[in-house]
Protein backbone atom coordinates (compact mmCIF):
# COMPACT_ATOMS: atom_id res chain seq x y z
CA MET A 1 40.04 7.83 25.36
CA LYS A 2 38.98 9.09 28.89
CA ALA A 3 39.97 5.67 30.04
CA LEU A 4 43.58 6.44 28.81
CA ALA A 5 43.81 9.94 30.12
CA ASP A 6 44.92 8.98 33.51
CA PRO A 7 48.81 8.39 34.03
CA ILE A 8 48.02 5.43 36.32
CA ARG A 9 45.88 3.72 33.71
CA LEU A 10 48.64 4.33 31.10
CA GLN A 11 51.17 2.57 33.54
CA VAL A 12 48.62 -0.26 33.76
CA ILE A 13 48.41 -0.74 30.08
CA GLU A 14 51.97 -0.60 29.80
CA GLU A 15 52.50 -3.31 32.39
CA LEU A 16 49.94 -5.56 30.58
CA ALA A 17 51.75 -4.94 27.30
CA SER A 18 53.99 -7.89 28.13
CA GLY A 19 51.09 -10.26 28.76
CA GLU A 20 48.73 -11.34 31.17
CA ARG A 21 49.36 -10.20 34.90
CA CYS A 22 47.96 -11.23 38.50
CA VAL A 23 46.73 -8.31 40.19
CA CYS A 24 48.97 -8.91 43.09
CA ASP A 25 51.91 -8.27 40.63
CA LEU A 26 50.46 -5.17 39.50
CA ILE A 27 50.11 -3.75 43.02
CA ASN A 28 53.49 -4.57 43.63
CA GLU A 29 55.07 -3.30 40.22
CA LEU A 30 52.99 0.01 40.36
CA SER A 31 53.02 0.46 44.14
CA LEU A 32 49.44 1.05 44.52
CA GLY A 33 46.79 0.15 47.12
CA GLN A 34 44.58 -2.48 46.22
CA SER A 35 41.42 -0.47 46.19
CA ARG A 36 43.17 2.38 43.94
CA LEU A 37 44.51 -0.22 41.57
CA SER A 38 40.82 -1.93 41.47
CA PHE A 39 39.32 1.38 40.71
CA HIS A 40 41.53 1.71 37.47
CA LEU A 41 41.08 -1.77 36.59
CA LYS A 42 37.40 -1.37 36.55
CA VAL A 43 37.63 1.62 34.36
CA LEU A 44 39.88 0.02 31.82
CA LYS A 45 37.63 -3.01 31.96
CA ASP A 46 34.48 -1.03 31.37
CA ALA A 47 36.17 0.74 28.51
CA GLY A 48 36.74 -2.70 26.89
CA LEU A 49 40.39 -2.27 26.82
CA ILE A 50 41.22 -4.97 29.33
CA VAL A 51 39.73 -8.57 30.13
CA ASP A 52 40.05 -10.58 33.39
CA ARG A 53 39.94 -14.04 34.28
CA GLN A 54 39.59 -15.51 38.01
CA SER A 55 41.81 -18.51 38.82
CA GLY A 56 41.28 -19.50 42.57
CA ARG A 57 41.45 -16.36 44.72
CA TRP A 58 43.59 -14.50 42.06
CA VAL A 59 42.41 -12.29 39.23
CA TYR A 60 44.62 -12.07 35.96
CA TYR A 61 44.20 -9.13 33.49
CA ARG A 62 45.34 -8.90 30.04
CA LEU A 63 45.04 -6.26 27.27
CA GLU A 64 42.02 -6.94 24.77
CA PRO A 65 43.66 -7.03 21.33
CA LYS A 66 40.48 -6.32 19.59
CA ALA A 67 39.81 -3.24 21.26
CA LEU A 68 43.33 -2.06 20.90
CA GLY A 69 43.08 -2.79 17.05
CA ILE A 70 39.97 -0.53 17.10
CA LEU A 71 41.74 2.28 18.82
CA GLN A 72 44.84 1.68 16.33
CA ASP A 73 42.44 2.05 13.27
CA TRP A 74 40.81 5.12 14.51
CA LEU A 75 44.06 6.84 15.15
CA SER A 76 45.43 5.59 11.83
CA SER A 77 42.24 7.39 10.10
CA LEU A 78 42.63 10.48 12.12
CA ALA A 79 46.42 10.55 10.80
CA GLU A 80 45.33 10.45 7.31
CA GLN A 81 42.52 12.77 7.49
CA CYS A 82 44.60 15.64 9.12
CA GLN A 83 47.03 15.60 6.23
CA LYS A 84 44.29 16.66 3.62
CA PRO A 85 44.78 20.09 2.44
CA THR A 86 42.10 22.74 3.18
CA ILE A 87 39.83 24.13 0.33
CA ASP A 88 40.81 27.87 -0.28
CA CYS A 89 38.04 30.40 0.78
CA GLU A 90 36.46 32.33 -1.79
């Protein structure tokens, strides 16, 4: 959750929702410097939310569907649990 707490990282996630993207495209789309974007990509990668692959001198990033599924399951579980009525105090 900490990795998703930053607005820039959320923007990166939204950009990657349409599929794999080259880091050069992300720099242009998000209007970020390379070092700043690299920091945020590292946080997301360390959290397991994205994966990368290198092709020549370029690095491509994509969302990790398995990690998103785990997050979705956890949020669904929370949504179900918070609906349970409390037990009255005696």
